[in-house]
Protein backbone atom coordinates (compact mmCIF):
# COMPACT_ATOMS: atom_id res chain seq x y z
CA MET A 1 92.83 85.66 133.89
CA ASP A 2 96.42 85.95 132.73
CA ALA A 3 97.71 87.22 129.37
CA ILE A 4 98.43 83.71 128.03
CA GLN A 5 94.87 82.54 128.68
CA LEU A 6 93.56 85.70 127.04
CA ALA A 7 95.85 85.12 124.05
CA ARG A 8 94.42 81.62 123.67
CA GLN A 9 90.91 83.06 123.79
CA LEU A 10 91.94 85.63 121.20
CA GLY A 11 93.25 82.80 119.00
CA LYS A 12 89.89 81.06 119.25
CA ALA A 13 88.05 84.30 118.47
CA ILE A 14 90.22 84.82 115.38
CA GLN A 15 89.34 81.32 114.18
CA GLU A 16 85.65 82.14 114.60
CA ASP A 17 85.94 85.45 112.72
CA ALA A 18 84.27 85.60 109.30
CA ARG A 19 87.53 86.77 107.71
CA TYR A 20 89.36 83.67 108.93
CA ILE A 21 86.52 81.41 107.81
CA ASN A 22 86.39 83.10 104.40
CA LEU A 23 90.14 82.59 103.98
CA GLN A 24 89.85 78.90 104.83
CA LEU A 25 86.97 78.48 102.37
CA ALA A 26 88.82 80.36 99.62
CA GLN A 27 91.92 78.25 100.19
CA GLN A 28 89.85 75.07 99.94
CA LYS A 29 88.23 76.29 96.72
CA ASN A 30 91.70 76.86 95.27
CA GLU A 31 92.79 73.38 96.32
CA ASP A 32 89.67 71.86 94.74
CA ASP A 33 90.07 73.81 91.48
CA LYS A 34 91.84 71.26 89.26
CA PRO A 35 92.58 73.62 86.35
CA LEU A 36 94.04 76.15 88.78
CA GLN A 37 96.14 73.49 90.51
CA GLU A 38 97.42 72.32 87.12
CA LEU A 39 98.43 75.90 86.28
CA ILE A 40 100.20 76.25 89.62
CA ALA A 41 102.02 72.93 89.11
CA LYS A 42 103.01 73.99 85.60
CA PHE A 43 104.24 77.34 86.94
CA ASN A 44 106.28 75.62 89.65
CA GLY A 45 107.79 73.21 87.13
CA HIS A 46 108.82 76.05 84.83
CA LYS A 47 110.20 77.98 87.79
CA GLU A 48 112.39 75.00 88.74
CA GLU A 49 113.62 74.75 85.15
CA LEU A 50 114.47 78.45 85.15
CA ASN A 51 116.30 78.14 88.47
CA ALA A 52 118.29 75.20 87.08
CA GLU A 53 119.18 77.22 84.00
CA MET A 54 120.23 80.17 86.17
CA ARG A 55 122.61 77.93 88.14
CA LYS A 56 124.45 76.84 85.01
CA PRO A 57 127.84 78.48 84.53
CA GLU A 58 127.10 78.89 80.80
CA ARG A 59 123.62 80.40 80.77
CA GLU A 60 121.65 80.82 77.58
CA LYS A 61 120.29 84.34 77.76
CA THR A 62 117.61 83.83 75.10
CA LYS A 63 116.41 80.67 76.81
CA ILE A 64 116.16 82.53 80.12
CA VAL A 65 114.16 85.33 78.49
CA GLN A 66 111.79 82.78 76.94
CA MET A 67 111.42 80.93 80.23
CA ASN A 68 110.66 84.19 82.05
CA ALA A 69 107.99 85.02 79.48
CA VAL A 70 106.33 81.64 80.02
CA LEU A 71 106.43 82.17 83.80
CA GLU A 72 104.88 85.62 83.49
CA GLN A 73 102.08 84.24 81.31
CA LEU A 74 101.35 81.38 83.71
CA TYR A 75 101.43 83.79 86.66
CA ALA A 76 98.93 86.06 84.93
CA GLU A 77 96.64 83.10 84.18
CA ILE A 78 96.79 81.94 87.79
CA PHE A 79 95.84 85.35 89.14
CA GLN A 80 93.06 85.82 86.59
CA SER A 81 91.27 82.84 88.12
CA ASP A 82 88.15 83.83 90.06
CA ASN A 83 89.08 81.42 92.85
CA MET A 84 92.56 82.93 93.13
CA LYS A 85 91.11 86.46 93.14
CA ASP A 86 88.74 85.42 95.95
CA TYR A 87 91.65 83.90 97.85
CA VAL A 88 93.80 87.03 97.49
CA ASN A 89 90.92 89.21 98.70
CA ALA A 90 90.26 86.91 101.66
CA ARG A 91 93.98 86.81 102.50
CA ASN A 92 94.16 90.62 102.41
CA GLU A 93 91.14 90.88 104.72
CA MET A 94 92.77 88.45 107.14
CA LYS A 95 96.06 90.35 106.90
CA SER A 96 94.24 93.57 107.84
CA LEU A 97 92.59 91.86 110.81
CA MET A 98 95.90 90.48 112.04
CA GLY A 99 97.57 93.85 111.45
CA LEU A 100 95.08 95.56 113.73
CA VAL A 101 95.29 92.81 116.35
CA ASN A 102 99.09 93.04 116.33
CA GLN A 103 98.99 96.83 116.52
CA ILE A 104 96.64 96.70 119.51
CA ILE A 105 98.86 94.17 121.30
CA SER A 106 102.09 96.05 120.49
CA GLY A 107 100.59 99.42 121.34
CA SER A 108 99.21 98.09 124.61
CA ALA A 109 102.63 96.71 125.54
CA GLU A 110 103.98 100.24 124.97
CA GLY A 111 101.42 101.73 127.34
CA LYS A 112 98.91 103.01 124.79
CA ASP A 113 95.19 102.82 125.42
CA PRO A 114 94.01 99.64 123.62
CA ASP A 115 90.59 101.20 122.93
CA SER A 116 92.13 104.11 121.05
CA ILE A 117 94.38 102.11 118.72
CA GLU A 118 93.14 102.07 115.13
CA TYR A 119 94.58 100.19 112.17
CA GLU A 120 97.39 101.98 110.37
CA ASP A 121 98.75 100.55 107.15
CA CYS A 122 102.29 101.79 106.81
CA GLY A 123 102.38 100.46 103.24
CA SER A 124 105.90 99.07 103.48
CA GLY A 125 104.96 95.50 104.28
CA CYS A 126 105.59 93.75 107.54
CA SER A 127 108.50 91.46 106.68
CA SER A 128 111.10 94.07 107.67
CA CYS A 129 108.92 95.90 110.14
CA SER A 130 109.91 96.47 113.74
CA GLY A 131 106.35 97.27 114.68
CA CYS A 132 103.82 99.91 113.79
CA SER A 133 103.55 102.97 115.95
């Protein structure tokens, strides 16, 4: 079996993993949570207003401070929601799974023994990462 076929099997295995399933369920709970969705919509609306204010050549500093305070309050309310907390936890679990999978694949491509590769969280985030060692 070639690497592409194995990657497709890996993709299917990931979708059968409890962490993936939990993330999908948590995401659906968030989508079905009307009060949470209203908070998110309100947050997004205020964020757009703030962005519009920031683009103005003559910005009102006090208005911007007030708008930021509203955004911070809405953000806090969103992340105090039990459904959002569950989603964040599920997303973090899935991120850890994918981190280990990626480290195994990258390490294997560098000649390391796939069975000896353990998850290492570098703590710096992966957006600017060139790969974990």
